[in-house]
PDB file of N, CA and C in Angstrom:
ATOM      1  N   UNK A   1     -14.148   7.610  -3.667  1.00  0.00           N
ATOM      2  CA  UNK A   1     -12.917   6.962  -3.098  1.00  0.00           C
ATOM      3  C   UNK A   1     -12.584   5.561  -3.338  1.00  0.00           C
ATOM      4  N   UNK A   2     -11.385   5.540  -3.909  1.00  0.00           N
ATOM      5  CA  UNK A   2     -10.929   3.776  -4.606  1.00  0.00           C
ATOM      6  C   UNK A   2      -9.774   3.398  -3.667  1.00  0.00           C
ATOM      7  N   UNK A   3      -9.498   2.373  -4.048  1.00  0.00           N
ATOM      8  CA  UNK A   3      -8.043   1.832  -3.244  1.00  0.00           C
ATOM      9  C   UNK A   3      -7.373   1.322  -4.300  1.00  0.00           C
ATOM     10  N   UNK A   4      -6.264   1.085  -4.009  1.00  0.00           N
ATOM     11  CA  UNK A   4      -5.380   0.929  -4.880  1.00  0.00           C
ATOM     12  C   UNK A   4      -4.232   0.092  -3.600  1.00  0.00           C
ATOM     13  N   UNK A   5      -3.815  -0.711  -4.363  1.00  0.00           N
ATOM     14  CA  UNK A   5      -2.136  -1.495  -3.972  1.00  0.00           C
ATOM     15  C   UNK A   5      -1.349  -0.750  -4.789  1.00  0.00           C
ATOM     16  N   UNK A   6       0.191  -0.707  -3.914  1.00  0.00           N
ATOM     17  CA  UNK A   6       0.943   0.092  -4.097  1.00  0.00           C
ATOM     18  C   UNK A   6       2.137  -0.764  -3.327  1.00  0.00           C
ATOM     19  N   UNK A   7       3.327  -1.089  -4.732  1.00  0.00           N
ATOM     20  CA  UNK A   7       4.557  -2.295  -3.712  1.00  0.00           C
ATOM     21  C   UNK A   7       5.746  -1.174  -4.837  1.00  0.00           C
ATOM     22  N   UNK A   8       6.833  -1.472  -4.200  1.00  0.00           N
ATOM     23  CA  UNK A   8       7.730  -1.024  -4.760  1.00  0.00           C
ATOM     24  C   UNK A   8       8.996  -1.755  -4.403  1.00  0.00           C
ATOM     25  N   UNK A   9      10.140  -2.125  -5.348  1.00  0.00           N
ATOM     26  CA  UNK A   9      11.437  -2.437  -5.271  1.00  0.00           C
ATOM     27  C   UNK A   9      12.436  -1.534  -5.341  1.00  0.00           C
ATOM     28  N   UNK A  10      12.959  -0.913  -4.169  1.00  0.00           N
ATOM     29  CA  UNK A  10      14.144  -0.393  -4.062  1.00  0.00           C
ATOM     30  C   UNK A  10      15.150  -0.920  -3.755  1.00  0.00           C
ATOM     31  N   UNK A  11      16.635  -0.525  -4.986  1.00  0.00           N
ATOM     32  CA  UNK A  11      17.614  -0.977  -4.591  1.00  0.00           C
ATOM     33  C   UNK A  11      18.539  -0.460  -3.980  1.00  0.00           C
ATOM     34  N   UNK A  12      18.567   0.798  -3.445  1.00  0.00           N
ATOM     35  CA  UNK A  12      19.647   1.402  -2.592  1.00  0.00           C
ATOM     36  C   UNK A  12      19.040   1.605  -1.582  1.00  0.00           C
ATOM     37  N   UNK A  13      19.441   0.854  -0.336  1.00  0.00           N
ATOM     38  CA  UNK A  13      18.953   0.898   1.068  1.00  0.00           C
ATOM     39  C   UNK A  13      18.210   2.169   1.592  1.00  0.00           C
ATOM     40  N   UNK A  14      19.519   3.391   1.518  1.00  0.00           N
ATOM     41  CA  UNK A  14      18.934   4.737   1.518  1.00  0.00           C
ATOM     42  C   UNK A  14      17.303   5.333   1.013  1.00  0.00           C
ATOM     43  N   UNK A  15      17.434   5.078  -0.195  1.00  0.00           N
ATOM     44  CA  UNK A  15      16.272   5.294  -1.119  1.00  0.00           C
ATOM     45  C   UNK A  15      15.181   4.542  -0.635  1.00  0.00           C
ATOM     46  N   UNK A  16      15.229   3.010   0.095  1.00  0.00           N
ATOM     47  CA  UNK A  16      14.454   2.614   0.127  1.00  0.00           C
ATOM     48  C   UNK A  16      13.944   3.075   1.383  1.00  0.00           C
ATOM     49  N   UNK A  17      14.537   3.318   2.619  1.00  0.00           N
ATOM     50  CA  UNK A  17      13.678   3.880   3.743  1.00  0.00           C
ATOM     51  C   UNK A  17      13.437   4.963   3.709  1.00  0.00           C
ATOM     52  N   UNK A  18      13.769   6.234   2.623  1.00  0.00           N
ATOM     53  CA  UNK A  18      12.904   7.207   2.132  1.00  0.00           C
ATOM     54  C   UNK A  18      11.952   7.009   1.424  1.00  0.00           C
ATOM     55  N   UNK A  19      11.825   6.139   0.854  1.00  0.00           N
ATOM     56  CA  UNK A  19      10.113   5.449   0.018  1.00  0.00           C
ATOM     57  C   UNK A  19       9.315   5.296   1.453  1.00  0.00           C
ATOM     58  N   UNK A  20       9.778   4.287   2.363  1.00  0.00           N
ATOM     59  CA  UNK A  20       9.004   3.585   2.850  1.00  0.00           C
ATOM     60  C   UNK A  20       8.279   5.071   3.876  1.00  0.00           C
ATOM     61  N   UNK A  21       9.402   5.960   4.397  1.00  0.00           N
ATOM     62  CA  UNK A  21       8.795   6.983   4.952  1.00  0.00           C
ATOM     63  C   UNK A  21       7.697   7.431   4.683  1.00  0.00           C
ATOM     64  N   UNK A  22       7.978   7.829   3.300  1.00  0.00           N
ATOM     65  CA  UNK A  22       6.768   8.881   2.470  1.00  0.00           C
ATOM     66  C   UNK A  22       5.617   7.843   2.463  1.00  0.00           C
ATOM     67  N   UNK A  23       5.643   6.396   2.274  1.00  0.00           N
ATOM     68  CA  UNK A  23       4.744   5.844   2.072  1.00  0.00           C
ATOM     69  C   UNK A  23       3.440   5.228   3.362  1.00  0.00           C
ATOM     70  N   UNK A  24       4.438   5.483   4.539  1.00  0.00           N
ATOM     71  CA  UNK A  24       3.619   5.601   6.027  1.00  0.00           C
ATOM     72  C   UNK A  24       2.934   6.666   6.141  1.00  0.00           C
ATOM     73  N   UNK A  25       3.401   7.499   5.734  1.00  0.00           N
ATOM     74  CA  UNK A  25       2.190   8.973   5.585  1.00  0.00           C
ATOM     75  C   UNK A  25       1.424   9.055   4.849  1.00  0.00           C
ATOM     76  N   UNK A  26       1.343   8.210   4.357  1.00  0.00           N
ATOM     77  CA  UNK A  26       0.125   8.413   3.003  1.00  0.00           C
ATOM     78  C   UNK A  26      -0.687   7.016   2.949  1.00  0.00           C
ATOM     79  N   UNK A  27      -0.351   5.791   3.352  1.00  0.00           N
ATOM     80  CA  UNK A  27      -0.847   4.626   3.045  1.00  0.00           C
ATOM     81  C   UNK A  27      -0.972   3.807   4.004  1.00  0.00           C
ATOM     82  N   UNK A  28      -1.661   2.742   3.826  1.00  0.00           N
ATOM     83  CA  UNK A  28      -1.640   1.581   5.347  1.00  0.00           C
ATOM     84  C   UNK A  28      -0.735   0.256   4.504  1.00  0.00           C
ATOM     85  N   UNK A  29       0.435  -0.175   5.605  1.00  0.00           N
ATOM     86  CA  UNK A  29       1.215  -0.970   5.136  1.00  0.00           C
ATOM     87  C   UNK A  29       0.813  -2.115   5.273  1.00  0.00           C
ATOM     88  N   UNK A  30       0.832  -3.081   4.219  1.00  0.00           N
ATOM     89  CA  UNK A  30       0.465  -4.349   4.156  1.00  0.00           C
ATOM     90  C   UNK A  30       1.696  -5.456   4.809  1.00  0.00           C
ATOM     91  N   UNK A  31       2.579  -5.040   3.781  1.00  0.00           N
ATOM     92  CA  UNK A  31       3.972  -5.738   4.026  1.00  0.00           C
ATOM     93  C   UNK A  31       4.921  -4.335   4.120  1.00  0.00           C
ATOM     94  N   UNK A  32       6.252  -4.853   4.294  1.00  0.00           N
ATOM     95  CA  UNK A  32       7.002  -3.663   3.893  1.00  0.00           C
ATOM     96  C   UNK A  32       6.978  -2.892   2.733  1.00  0.00           C
ATOM     97  N   UNK A  33       7.173  -3.275   1.642  1.00  0.00           N
ATOM     98  CA  UNK A  33       7.259  -2.843   0.385  1.00  0.00           C
ATOM     99  C   UNK A  33       5.564  -3.049  -0.024  1.00  0.00           C
ATOM    100  N   UNK A  34       4.838  -3.199   0.392  1.00  0.00           N
ATOM    101  CA  UNK A  34       3.390  -3.131  -0.148  1.00  0.00           C
ATOM    102  C   UNK A  34       2.433  -2.326   0.621  1.00  0.00           C
ATOM    103  N   UNK A  35       2.045  -1.256   0.319  1.00  0.00           N
ATOM    104  CA  UNK A  35       0.817  -0.598   0.814  1.00  0.00           C
ATOM    105  C   UNK A  35      -0.521  -0.526   0.229  1.00  0.00           C
ATOM    106  N   UNK A  36      -1.361  -0.093   1.014  1.00  0.00           N
ATOM    107  CA  UNK A  36      -2.933  -0.257   0.326  1.00  0.00           C
ATOM    108  C   UNK A  36      -3.275   1.302   0.997  1.00  0.00           C
ATOM    109  N   UNK A  37      -3.541   2.342  -0.550  1.00  0.00           N
ATOM    110  CA  UNK A  37      -3.598   3.437  -0.584  1.00  0.00           C
ATOM    111  C   UNK A  37      -5.310   3.528  -0.679  1.00  0.00           C
ATOM    112  N   UNK A  38      -5.985   4.444   0.329  1.00  0.00           N
ATOM    113  CA  UNK A  38      -7.618   4.512  -0.210  1.00  0.00           C
ATOM    114  C   UNK A  38      -7.601   6.279  -0.036  1.00  0.00           C
ATOM    115  N   UNK A  39      -8.044   6.415  -1.467  1.00  0.00           N
ATOM    116  CA  UNK A  39      -8.215   8.281  -1.512  1.00  0.00           C
ATOM    117  C   UNK A  39      -8.580   7.894  -2.819  1.00  0.00           C
ATOM    118  N   UNK A  40      -8.466   9.869  -2.989  1.00  0.00           N
ATOM    119  CA  UNK A  40      -8.899   9.987  -4.626  1.00  0.00           C
ATOM    120  C   UNK A  40      -8.115   9.949  -5.403  1.00  0.00           C
ATOM    121  N   UNK A  41      -8.224  10.074  -6.663  1.00  0.00           N
ATOM    122  CA  UNK A  41      -7.025   9.953  -7.597  1.00  0.00           C
ATOM    123  C   UNK A  41      -6.217  11.232  -7.366  1.00  0.00           C
ATOM    124  N   UNK A  42      -6.453  12.287  -7.214  1.00  0.00           N
ATOM    125  CA  UNK A  42      -5.324  13.184  -7.017  1.00  0.00           C
ATOM    126  C   UNK A  42      -4.829  12.791  -5.971  1.00  0.00           C
ATOM    127  N   UNK A  43      -5.186  12.587  -4.671  1.00  0.00           N
ATOM    128  CA  UNK A  43      -4.117  11.882  -3.724  1.00  0.00           C
ATOM    129  C   UNK A  43      -3.552  10.722  -3.863  1.00  0.00           C
ATOM    130  N   UNK A  44      -3.620  10.021  -5.088  1.00  0.00           N
ATOM    131  CA  UNK A  44      -3.181   8.968  -5.372  1.00  0.00           C
ATOM    132  C   UNK A  44      -1.764   9.420  -6.161  1.00  0.00           C
ATOM    133  N   UNK A  45      -1.961  10.344  -7.387  1.00  0.00           N
ATOM    134  CA  UNK A  45      -1.237  11.066  -7.969  1.00  0.00           C
ATOM    135  C   UNK A  45       0.004  11.881  -6.753  1.00  0.00           C
ATOM    136  N   UNK A  46      -0.534  12.487  -5.721  1.00  0.00           N
ATOM    137  CA  UNK A  46       0.215  13.099  -5.326  1.00  0.00           C
ATOM    138  C   UNK A  46       1.407  12.065  -4.428  1.00  0.00           C
ATOM    139  N   UNK A  47       0.857  10.822  -4.199  1.00  0.00           N
ATOM    140  CA  UNK A  47       1.597  10.139  -3.432  1.00  0.00           C
ATOM    141  C   UNK A  47       2.901   9.454  -4.497  1.00  0.00           C
ATOM    142  N   UNK A  48       2.389   9.289  -5.656  1.00  0.00           N
ATOM    143  CA  UNK A  48       2.916   8.464  -6.592  1.00  0.00           C
ATOM    144  C   UNK A  48       4.212   9.496  -6.943  1.00  0.00           C
ATOM    145  N   UNK A  49       3.825  11.182  -6.966  1.00  0.00           N
ATOM    146  CA  UNK A  49       4.680  11.936  -7.087  1.00  0.00           C
ATOM    147  C   UNK A  49       5.716  11.941  -6.196  1.00  0.00           C
ATOM    148  N   UNK A  50       5.508  12.094  -5.067  1.00  0.00           N
ATOM    149  CA  UNK A  50       6.526  12.063  -3.971  1.00  0.00           C
ATOM    150  C   UNK A  50       7.286  11.014  -3.750  1.00  0.00           C
ATOM    151  N   UNK A  51       6.820   9.870  -4.189  1.00  0.00           N
ATOM    152  CA  UNK A  51       7.807   8.648  -4.284  1.00  0.00           C
ATOM    153  C   UNK A  51       8.678   8.754  -5.748  1.00  0.00           C
ATOM    154  N   UNK A  52       7.981   9.044  -6.526  1.00  0.00           N
ATOM    155  CA  UNK A  52       8.830   9.216  -7.765  1.00  0.00           C
ATOM    156  C   UNK A  52       9.747  10.036  -7.623  1.00  0.00           C
ATOM    157  N   UNK A  53      10.033  11.079  -6.676  1.00  0.00           N
ATOM    158  CA  UNK A  53      11.436  12.116  -6.778  1.00  0.00           C
ATOM    159  C   UNK A  53      12.411  11.694  -5.638  1.00  0.00           C
ATOM    160  N   UNK A  54      11.647  10.250  -5.291  1.00  0.00           N
ATOM    161  CA  UNK A  54      13.463   9.258  -4.387  1.00  0.00           C
ATOM    162  C   UNK A  54      13.795   8.927  -5.278  1.00  0.00           C
ATOM    163  N   UNK A  55      12.840   7.991  -5.612  1.00  0.00           N
ATOM    164  CA  UNK A  55      13.926   6.739  -6.587  1.00  0.00           C
ATOM    165  C   UNK A  55      14.555   7.013  -7.886  1.00  0.00           C
ATOM    166  N   UNK A  56      15.630   6.386  -8.158  1.00  0.00           N
ATOM    167  CA  UNK A  56      16.007   6.055  -9.425  1.00  0.00           C
ATOM    168  C   UNK A  56      15.628   4.952  -9.832  1.00  0.00           C
ATOM    169  N   UNK A  57      14.805   5.469 -11.543  1.00  0.00           N
ATOM    170  CA  UNK A  57      14.204   5.162 -12.249  1.00  0.00           C
ATOM    171  C   UNK A  57      14.851   3.718 -13.078  1.00  0.00           C
ATOM    172  N   UNK A  58      16.256   4.136 -13.056  1.00  0.00           N
ATOM    173  CA  UNK A  58      16.795   2.989 -13.868  1.00  0.00           C
ATOM    174  C   UNK A  58      17.096   1.834 -13.072  1.00  0.00           C
ATOM    175  N   UNK A  59      17.078   2.207 -11.483  1.00  0.00           N
ATOM    176  CA  UNK A  59      17.236   0.921 -10.855  1.00  0.00           C
ATOM    177  C   UNK A  59      16.353   0.134  -9.822  1.00  0.00           C
ATOM    178  N   UNK A  60      15.088   1.141  -9.734  1.00  0.00           N
ATOM    179  CA  UNK A  60      13.972   0.808  -8.848  1.00  0.00           C
ATOM    180  C   UNK A  60      12.491   0.963  -9.661  1.00  0.00           C
ATOM    181  N   UNK A  61      11.839   0.201  -8.914  1.00  0.00           N
ATOM    182  CA  UNK A  61      10.595  -0.196  -9.832  1.00  0.00           C
ATOM    183  C   UNK A  61       9.564  -0.032  -8.472  1.00  0.00           C
ATOM    184  N   UNK A  62       8.225   0.951  -9.353  1.00  0.00           N
ATOM    185  CA  UNK A  62       6.949   0.990  -8.161  1.00  0.00           C
ATOM    186  C   UNK A  62       5.867   0.840  -8.924  1.00  0.00           C
ATOM    187  N   UNK A  63       4.775   0.390  -8.521  1.00  0.00           N
ATOM    188  CA  UNK A  63       3.432  -0.356  -9.147  1.00  0.00           C
ATOM    189  C   UNK A  63       2.558  -0.171  -8.502  1.00  0.00           C
ATOM    190  N   UNK A  64       1.371   0.478  -9.281  1.00  0.00           N
ATOM    191  CA  UNK A  64       0.290   0.984  -8.672  1.00  0.00           C
ATOM    192  C   UNK A  64      -0.986  -0.094  -9.371  1.00  0.00           C
ATOM    193  N   UNK A  65      -1.969  -0.884  -8.331  1.00  0.00           N
ATOM    194  CA  UNK A  65      -2.874  -1.331  -9.050  1.00  0.00           C
ATOM    195  C   UNK A  65      -4.164  -0.985  -8.363  1.00  0.00           C
ATOM    196  N   UNK A  66      -5.123  -0.686  -9.357  1.00  0.00           N
ATOM    197  CA  UNK A  66      -6.078  -0.533  -8.707  1.00  0.00           C
ATOM    198  C   UNK A  66      -7.209  -1.864  -8.210  1.00  0.00           C
ATOM    199  N   UNK A  67      -7.581  -1.706  -7.103  1.00  0.00           N
ATOM    200  CA  UNK A  67      -8.877  -2.565  -6.845  1.00  0.00           C
ATOM    201  C   UNK A  67     -10.101  -2.002  -7.401  1.00  0.00           C
ATOM    202  N   UNK A  68     -10.675  -3.235  -7.551  1.00  0.00           N
ATOM    203  CA  UNK A  68     -11.991  -3.379  -7.871  1.00  0.00           C
ATOM    204  C   UNK A  68     -12.690  -2.628  -6.939  1.00  0.00           C
ATOM    205  N   UNK A  69     -13.738  -1.749  -6.718  1.00  0.00           N
ATOM    206  CA  UNK A  69     -14.631  -1.389  -6.022  1.00  0.00           C
ATOM    207  C   UNK A  69     -15.729  -2.541  -5.171  1.00  0.00           C
ATOM    208  N   UNK A  70     -16.104  -3.130  -6.180  1.00  0.00           N
ATOM    209  CA  UNK A  70     -17.217  -3.933  -5.513  1.00  0.00           C
ATOM    210  C   UNK A  70     -16.353  -5.535  -5.405  1.00  0.00           C
ATOM    211  N   UNK A  71     -15.163  -5.579  -5.683  1.00  0.00           N
ATOM    212  CA  UNK A  71     -14.477  -7.240  -6.318  1.00  0.00           C
ATOM    213  C   UNK A  71     -14.439  -7.972  -4.810  1.00  0.00           C
ATOM    214  N   UNK A  72     -13.936  -9.096  -4.856  1.00  0.00           N
ATOM    215  CA  UNK A  72     -13.602 -10.016  -4.222  1.00  0.00           C
ATOM    216  C   UNK A  72     -12.198  -9.648  -3.217  1.00  0.00           C
ATOM    217  N   UNK A  73     -12.245  -9.562  -2.357  1.00  0.00           N
ATOM    218  CA  UNK A  73     -10.988  -9.751  -1.223  1.00  0.00           C
ATOM    219  C   UNK A  73     -10.916 -10.676  -0.487  1.00  0.00           C
ATOM    220  N   UNK A  74      -9.969 -11.135  -0.201  1.00  0.00           N
ATOM    221  CA  UNK A  74      -9.799 -12.482   0.774  1.00  0.00           C
ATOM    222  C   UNK A  74      -8.314 -12.093   1.174  1.00  0.00           C
ATOM    223  N   UNK A  75      -8.021 -12.760   2.691  1.00  0.00           N
ATOM    224  CA  UNK A  75      -6.832 -13.210   2.749  1.00  0.00           C
ATOM    225  C   UNK A  75      -6.642 -14.701   3.133  1.00  0.00           C
ATOM    226  N   UNK A  76      -5.706 -14.987   2.522  1.00  0.00           N
ATOM    227  CA  UNK A  76      -5.243 -16.877   2.444  1.00  0.00           C
ATOM    228  C   UNK A  76      -4.195 -16.909   3.284  1.00  0.00           C
ATOM    229  N   UNK A  77      -4.041 -17.642   4.444  1.00  0.00           N
ATOM    230  CA  UNK A  77      -2.660 -18.005   5.603  1.00  0.00           C
ATOM    231  C   UNK A  77      -2.887 -17.513   6.704  1.00  0.00           C
ATOM    232  N   UNK A  78      -1.750 -17.401   7.507  1.00  0.00           N
ATOM    233  CA  UNK A  78      -1.817 -16.865   8.861  1.00  0.00           C
ATOM    234  C   UNK A  78      -2.652 -15.587   8.779  1.00  0.00           C
ATOM    235  N   UNK A  79      -3.368 -15.827  10.081  1.00  0.00           N
ATOM    236  CA  UNK A  79      -3.766 -14.327  10.162  1.00  0.00           C
ATOM    237  C   UNK A  79      -3.191 -13.337  11.033  1.00  0.00           C
ATOM    238  N   UNK A  80      -3.318 -11.833  10.425  1.00  0.00           N
ATOM    239  CA  UNK A  80      -2.211 -10.822  10.941  1.00  0.00           C
ATOM    240  C   UNK A  80      -2.133 -10.501  12.107  1.00  0.00           C
ATOM    241  N   UNK A  81      -3.549 -10.417  12.689  1.00  0.00           N
ATOM    242  CA  UNK A  81      -4.035 -10.092  14.099  1.00  0.00           C
ATOM    243  C   UNK A  81      -4.644 -11.755  14.912  1.00  0.00           C
ATOM    244  N   UNK A  82      -4.693 -11.375  16.032  1.00  0.00           N
ATOM    245  CA  UNK A  82      -5.723 -12.642  16.740  1.00  0.00           C
ATOM    246  C   UNK A  82      -7.028 -12.399  16.581  1.00  0.00           C
ATOM    247  N   UNK A  83      -7.515 -13.968  16.292  1.00  0.00           N
ATOM    248  CA  UNK A  83      -8.937 -13.585  15.895  1.00  0.00           C
ATOM    249  C   UNK A  83      -9.867 -12.731  16.822  1.00  0.00           C
ATOM    250  N   UNK A  84     -10.858 -12.295  16.246  1.00  0.00           N
ATOM    251  CA  UNK A  84     -11.938 -11.450  16.774  1.00  0.00           C
ATOM    252  C   UNK A  84     -11.076  -9.749  17.130  1.00  0.00           C
ATOM    253  N   UNK A  85     -10.202  -9.602  16.824  1.00  0.00           N
ATOM    254  CA  UNK A  85      -9.008  -8.447  16.507  1.00  0.00           C
ATOM    255  C   UNK A  85      -9.219  -7.948  15.091  1.00  0.00           C
ATOM    256  N   UNK A  86      -9.993  -6.553  14.829  1.00  0.00           N
ATOM    257  CA  UNK A  86      -9.690  -6.138  13.542  1.00  0.00           C
ATOM    258  C   UNK A  86      -9.134  -4.967  13.711  1.00  0.00           C
ATOM    259  N   UNK A  87      -8.527  -4.552  12.388  1.00  0.00           N
ATOM    260  CA  UNK A  87      -7.645  -3.284  12.229  1.00  0.00           C
ATOM    261  C   UNK A  87      -8.394  -2.400  11.709  1.00  0.00           C
ATOM    262  N   UNK A  88      -8.880  -1.480  12.447  1.00  0.00           N
ATOM    263  CA  UNK A  88     -10.158  -0.238  11.885  1.00  0.00           C
ATOM    264  C   UNK A  88      -9.017   0.412  10.608  1.00  0.00           C
ATOM    265  N   UNK A  89      -7.684   0.034  10.498  1.00  0.00           N
ATOM    266  CA  UNK A  89      -7.177   1.570   9.348  1.00  0.00           C
ATOM    267  C   UNK A  89      -7.776   0.744   7.871  1.00  0.00           C
ATOM    268  N   UNK A  90      -7.785  -0.585   7.863  1.00  0.00           N
ATOM    269  CA  UNK A  90      -7.992  -1.135   6.776  1.00  0.00           C
ATOM    270  C   UNK A  90      -9.872  -1.314   6.357  1.00  0.00           C
ATOM    271  N   UNK A  91     -10.221  -1.323   5.026  1.00  0.00           N
ATOM    272  CA  UNK A  91     -11.422  -1.603   4.806  1.00  0.00           C
ATOM    273  C   UNK A  91     -11.941  -2.253   5.531  1.00  0.00           C
ATOM    274  N   UNK A  92     -13.672  -2.009   6.031  1.00  0.00           N
ATOM    275  CA  UNK A  92     -14.046  -2.914   6.745  1.00  0.00           C
ATOM    276  C   UNK A  92     -14.157  -4.092   6.075  1.00  0.00           C
ATOM    277  N   UNK A  93     -14.407  -4.360   4.876  1.00  0.00           N
ATOM    278  CA  UNK A  93     -14.612  -5.642   4.018  1.00  0.00           C
ATOM    279  C   UNK A  93     -13.568  -6.379   4.312  1.00  0.00           C
ATOM    280  N   UNK A  94     -11.960  -6.052   4.703  1.00  0.00           N
ATOM    281  CA  UNK A  94     -11.019  -6.943   5.041  1.00  0.00           C
ATOM    282  C   UNK A  94     -10.983  -7.368   6.179  1.00  0.00           C
ATOM    283  N   UNK A  95     -11.349  -6.348   7.367  1.00  0.00           N
ATOM    284  CA  UNK A  95     -11.383  -6.684   8.769  1.00  0.00           C
ATOM    285  C   UNK A  95     -12.587  -7.834   9.359  1.00  0.00           C
ATOM    286  N   UNK A  96     -13.527  -8.724   8.425  1.00  0.00           N
ATOM    287  CA  UNK A  96     -14.470  -9.351   8.751  1.00  0.00           C
ATOM    288  C   UNK A  96     -14.262 -10.788   8.002  1.00  0.00           C
ATOM    289  N   UNK A  97     -12.544 -11.275   7.867  1.00  0.00           N
ATOM    290  CA  UNK A  97     -12.622 -12.431   6.757  1.00  0.00           C
ATOM    291  C   UNK A  97     -12.797 -13.576   8.154  1.00  0.00           C
ATOM    292  N   UNK A  98     -12.751 -14.522   7.931  1.00  0.00           N
ATOM    293  CA  UNK A  98     -12.640 -15.961   8.890  1.00  0.00           C
ATOM    294  C   UNK A  98     -11.385 -16.163   9.018  1.00  0.00           C
TER     295      UNK A  98
END
């Protein structure tokens, strides 16, 4: 199992909403158009193929970046959740930050 960050910039509001709904069913939202996908490469390929069918490649941009399996992960800035609350849908290493 690996983790990837998937981000997109979709020009048309209808396409944007469709892509967002597809991504919500396959990955964890970090921001509106940034998602964390944790799974197999085959699952990632299926996710990206689903999104690819919805976008206009001349106007839209979808990017996918693998995260290092043992890399440093840190959040900087305002906490998303109150202190002591951990969202278990994210990898455990993300929930234990100060």
